[in-house]
Amino acid sequence: MGTTEGLKPLLSTEELAEYLDVPVATVYAWRYHRKGPPGFRIGRYVRYRLSDVEDWLSSRPREPSPPSMGPAGSDSRPGMGDAG
């Protein structure tokens, strides 16, 4: 056989879960519902290309940052600040 030099590594389901810091069950659920990064089967194993995972992450909508609340007790919303 030839050399594997130059080939990009593939991630297992467990490695993907660790990379994304999510439970393995979440990765399986994403795959079942076709919501996660694209993967493919090699025999009975599912593998993910890191480049596909990175593309999937880039395509995800970013959640806006929560608004800054400022110093504690200084919330300007009615009924939310200091009493008095």
N, C-alpha and C. Protein backbone atom coordinates (compact mmCIF):
# COMPACT_ATOMS: atom_id res chain seq x y z
N MET A 1 0.83 -1.19 0.00
CA MET A 1 0.00 0.00 0.00
C MET A 1 0.87 1.24 0.00
N GLY A 2 0.26 2.37 -0.36
CA GLY A 2 0.98 3.63 -0.40
C GLY A 2 1.10 4.25 0.98
N THR A 3 1.67 5.41 1.00
CA THR A 3 1.87 6.13 2.25
C THR A 3 0.64 6.97 2.59
N THR A 4 0.45 7.25 3.85
CA THR A 4 -0.67 8.10 4.29
C THR A 4 -0.22 9.54 4.45
N GLU A 5 1.03 9.81 4.08
CA GLU A 5 1.54 11.18 4.20
C GLU A 5 0.72 12.10 3.32
N GLY A 6 0.31 13.22 3.86
CA GLY A 6 -0.48 14.19 3.11
C GLY A 6 -1.98 14.01 3.28
N LEU A 7 -2.40 12.87 3.82
CA LEU A 7 -3.83 12.66 4.05
C LEU A 7 -4.24 13.41 5.31
N LYS A 8 -5.43 13.98 5.28
CA LYS A 8 -5.93 14.69 6.45
C LYS A 8 -6.57 13.68 7.40
N PRO A 9 -6.38 13.89 8.70
CA PRO A 9 -6.92 12.93 9.66
C PRO A 9 -8.45 12.97 9.70
N LEU A 10 -9.02 11.83 10.05
CA LEU A 10 -10.47 11.70 10.22
C LEU A 10 -10.77 11.59 11.71
N LEU A 11 -11.90 12.16 12.12
CA LEU A 11 -12.30 12.10 13.51
C LEU A 11 -13.35 11.03 13.71
N SER A 12 -13.24 10.29 14.79
CA SER A 12 -14.30 9.36 15.18
C SER A 12 -15.40 10.16 15.85
N THR A 13 -16.51 9.52 16.11
CA THR A 13 -17.61 10.19 16.81
C THR A 13 -17.16 10.68 18.18
N GLU A 14 -16.40 9.86 18.87
CA GLU A 14 -15.91 10.23 20.20
C GLU A 14 -14.95 11.41 20.12
N GLU A 15 -14.06 11.40 19.12
CA GLU A 15 -13.11 12.50 18.97
C GLU A 15 -13.83 13.80 18.59
N LEU A 16 -14.86 13.68 17.75
CA LEU A 16 -15.64 14.87 17.39
C LEU A 16 -16.33 15.44 18.62
N ALA A 17 -16.92 14.58 19.43
CA ALA A 17 -17.59 15.04 20.65
C ALA A 17 -16.60 15.75 21.57
N GLU A 18 -15.42 15.20 21.70
CA GLU A 18 -14.40 15.84 22.54
C GLU A 18 -13.96 17.17 21.94
N TYR A 19 -13.77 17.20 20.63
CA TYR A 19 -13.35 18.43 19.94
C TYR A 19 -14.37 19.55 20.14
N LEU A 20 -15.66 19.20 20.08
CA LEU A 20 -16.72 20.20 20.22
C LEU A 20 -17.17 20.39 21.67
N ASP A 21 -16.64 19.57 22.57
CA ASP A 21 -16.99 19.62 23.99
C ASP A 21 -18.49 19.43 24.20
N VAL A 22 -19.01 18.38 23.55
CA VAL A 22 -20.42 17.99 23.69
C VAL A 22 -20.46 16.49 23.99
N PRO A 23 -21.54 16.00 24.57
CA PRO A 23 -21.65 14.56 24.81
C PRO A 23 -21.70 13.78 23.49
N VAL A 24 -21.20 12.56 23.52
CA VAL A 24 -21.24 11.69 22.35
C VAL A 24 -22.68 11.51 21.87
N ALA A 25 -23.61 11.42 22.81
CA ALA A 25 -25.03 11.25 22.45
C ALA A 25 -25.52 12.43 21.61
N THR A 26 -25.00 13.61 21.85
CA THR A 26 -25.39 14.78 21.06
C THR A 26 -24.94 14.62 19.62
N VAL A 27 -23.73 14.14 19.41
CA VAL A 27 -23.23 13.91 18.04
C VAL A 27 -24.10 12.87 17.34
N TYR A 28 -24.46 11.80 18.04
CA TYR A 28 -25.34 10.78 17.44
C TYR A 28 -26.71 11.37 17.11
N ALA A 29 -27.23 12.21 17.99
CA ALA A 29 -28.54 12.83 17.74
C ALA A 29 -28.46 13.77 16.53
N TRP A 30 -27.39 14.56 16.44
CA TRP A 30 -27.22 15.43 15.27
C TRP A 30 -27.19 14.61 14.00
N ARG A 31 -26.49 13.50 14.02
CA ARG A 31 -26.39 12.66 12.82
C ARG A 31 -27.75 12.09 12.47
N TYR A 32 -28.48 11.60 13.45
CA TYR A 32 -29.80 11.02 13.23
C TYR A 32 -30.75 12.04 12.61
N HIS A 33 -30.70 13.28 13.11
CA HIS A 33 -31.59 14.34 12.63
C HIS A 33 -30.98 15.16 11.49
N ARG A 34 -29.79 14.76 11.06
CA ARG A 34 -29.07 15.43 9.97
C ARG A 34 -28.88 16.92 10.24
N LYS A 35 -28.46 17.22 11.44
CA LYS A 35 -28.24 18.62 11.85
C LYS A 35 -26.78 18.92 12.12
N GLY A 36 -25.96 17.91 12.23
CA GLY A 36 -24.56 18.11 12.58
C GLY A 36 -23.67 18.15 11.36
N PRO A 37 -22.36 18.10 11.60
CA PRO A 37 -21.42 18.11 10.48
C PRO A 37 -21.57 16.83 9.66
N PRO A 38 -21.30 16.91 8.36
CA PRO A 38 -21.42 15.71 7.53
C PRO A 38 -20.38 14.67 7.91
N GLY A 39 -20.82 13.45 8.00
CA GLY A 39 -19.93 12.34 8.28
C GLY A 39 -20.18 11.26 7.24
N PHE A 40 -19.36 10.24 7.26
CA PHE A 40 -19.54 9.14 6.33
C PHE A 40 -19.12 7.84 6.99
N ARG A 41 -19.63 6.77 6.45
CA ARG A 41 -19.34 5.45 7.01
C ARG A 41 -18.14 4.83 6.33
N ILE A 42 -17.31 4.22 7.14
CA ILE A 42 -16.25 3.34 6.66
C ILE A 42 -16.52 2.03 7.37
N GLY A 43 -17.14 1.11 6.66
CA GLY A 43 -17.59 -0.12 7.28
C GLY A 43 -18.68 0.21 8.28
N ARG A 44 -18.49 -0.21 9.51
CA ARG A 44 -19.50 0.09 10.54
C ARG A 44 -19.18 1.34 11.35
N TYR A 45 -18.13 2.04 10.96
CA TYR A 45 -17.69 3.22 11.69
C TYR A 45 -18.06 4.50 10.96
N VAL A 46 -18.38 5.54 11.74
CA VAL A 46 -18.65 6.86 11.18
C VAL A 46 -17.41 7.71 11.41
N ARG A 47 -17.02 8.42 10.38
CA ARG A 47 -15.86 9.30 10.48
C ARG A 47 -16.22 10.68 9.95
N TYR A 48 -15.49 11.68 10.43
CA TYR A 48 -15.72 13.07 10.06
C TYR A 48 -14.40 13.69 9.62
N ARG A 49 -14.45 14.41 8.51
CA ARG A 49 -13.27 15.17 8.09
C ARG A 49 -13.23 16.46 8.91
N LEU A 50 -12.06 16.79 9.41
CA LEU A 50 -11.92 18.02 10.20
C LEU A 50 -12.32 19.23 9.37
N SER A 51 -11.97 19.23 8.09
CA SER A 51 -12.34 20.37 7.24
C SER A 51 -13.86 20.49 7.11
N ASP A 52 -14.59 19.37 7.06
CA ASP A 52 -16.06 19.42 7.01
C ASP A 52 -16.62 19.97 8.32
N VAL A 53 -16.01 19.56 9.44
CA VAL A 53 -16.45 20.05 10.75
C VAL A 53 -16.23 21.55 10.84
N GLU A 54 -15.08 22.02 10.40
CA GLU A 54 -14.78 23.45 10.45
C GLU A 54 -15.73 24.24 9.54
N ASP A 55 -16.03 23.69 8.35
CA ASP A 55 -16.99 24.35 7.45
C ASP A 55 -18.37 24.42 8.09
N TRP A 56 -18.77 23.32 8.74
CA TRP A 56 -20.07 23.27 9.41
C TRP A 56 -20.13 24.32 10.52
N LEU A 57 -19.06 24.42 11.29
CA LEU A 57 -19.01 25.41 12.36
C LEU A 57 -19.10 26.83 11.79
N SER A 58 -18.41 27.09 10.69
CA SER A 58 -18.42 28.42 10.08
C SER A 58 -19.81 28.78 9.55
N SER A 59 -20.57 27.78 9.14
CA SER A 59 -21.89 28.04 8.57
C SER A 59 -22.97 28.22 9.63
N ARG A 60 -22.65 27.91 10.88
CA ARG A 60 -23.63 28.03 11.96
C ARG A 60 -23.88 29.49 12.28
N PRO A 61 -25.13 29.86 12.52
CA PRO A 61 -25.39 31.25 12.92
C PRO A 61 -24.78 31.52 14.29
N ARG A 62 -24.23 32.66 14.43
CA ARG A 62 -23.62 33.04 15.72
C ARG A 62 -24.68 33.68 16.59
N GLU A 63 -24.68 33.32 17.86
CA GLU A 63 -25.62 33.93 18.80
C GLU A 63 -25.07 35.27 19.24
N PRO A 64 -25.93 36.28 19.32
CA PRO A 64 -25.44 37.58 19.78
C PRO A 64 -24.99 37.50 21.22
N SER A 65 -24.04 38.32 21.56
CA SER A 65 -23.57 38.38 22.94
C SER A 65 -24.66 38.98 23.81
N PRO A 66 -24.81 38.49 25.04
CA PRO A 66 -25.81 39.09 25.93
C PRO A 66 -25.43 40.53 26.25
N PRO A 67 -26.42 41.40 26.46
CA PRO A 67 -26.10 42.80 26.79
C PRO A 67 -25.39 42.89 28.12
N SER A 68 -24.54 43.86 28.23
CA SER A 68 -23.81 44.09 29.47
C SER A 68 -24.77 44.64 30.52
N MET A 69 -24.67 44.13 31.72
CA MET A 69 -25.57 44.56 32.79
C MET A 69 -24.95 45.69 33.61
N GLY A 70 -23.70 45.98 33.43
CA GLY A 70 -23.06 47.04 34.21
C GLY A 70 -22.83 46.58 35.64
N PRO A 71 -22.52 47.50 36.54
CA PRO A 71 -22.29 47.13 37.94
C PRO A 71 -23.54 46.52 38.57
N ALA A 72 -23.34 45.66 39.51
CA ALA A 72 -24.46 45.00 40.19
C ALA A 72 -25.39 46.02 40.82
N GLY A 73 -26.69 45.82 40.64
CA GLY A 73 -27.67 46.71 41.25
C GLY A 73 -27.93 47.98 40.47
N SER A 74 -27.29 48.15 39.30
CA SER A 74 -27.49 49.38 38.56
C SER A 74 -28.30 49.16 37.28
N ASP A 75 -29.08 48.10 37.25
CA ASP A 75 -29.91 47.81 36.09
C ASP A 75 -30.92 48.93 35.90
N SER A 76 -31.00 49.46 34.69
CA SER A 76 -31.88 50.60 34.44
C SER A 76 -33.30 50.20 34.08
N ARG A 77 -33.61 48.91 34.01
CA ARG A 77 -34.97 48.50 33.69
C ARG A 77 -35.87 48.79 34.88
N PRO A 78 -37.12 49.19 34.63
CA PRO A 78 -38.04 49.51 35.74
C PRO A 78 -38.19 48.34 36.68
N GLY A 79 -38.08 48.62 37.96
CA GLY A 79 -38.27 47.60 38.98
C GLY A 79 -37.10 46.66 39.14
N MET A 80 -35.97 46.92 38.44
CA MET A 80 -34.86 46.00 38.49
C MET A 80 -33.66 46.56 39.24
N GLY A 81 -33.64 47.83 39.53
CA GLY A 81 -32.48 48.44 40.18
C GLY A 81 -32.63 48.45 41.69
N ASP A 82 -31.84 49.30 42.31
CA ASP A 82 -31.91 49.44 43.76
C ASP A 82 -33.23 50.08 44.16
N ALA A 83 -33.76 49.64 45.25
CA ALA A 83 -35.01 50.23 45.76
C ALA A 83 -34.69 51.56 46.41
N GLY A 84 -35.58 52.49 46.21
CA GLY A 84 -35.36 53.71 46.95
C GLY A 84 -35.55 54.91 46.21
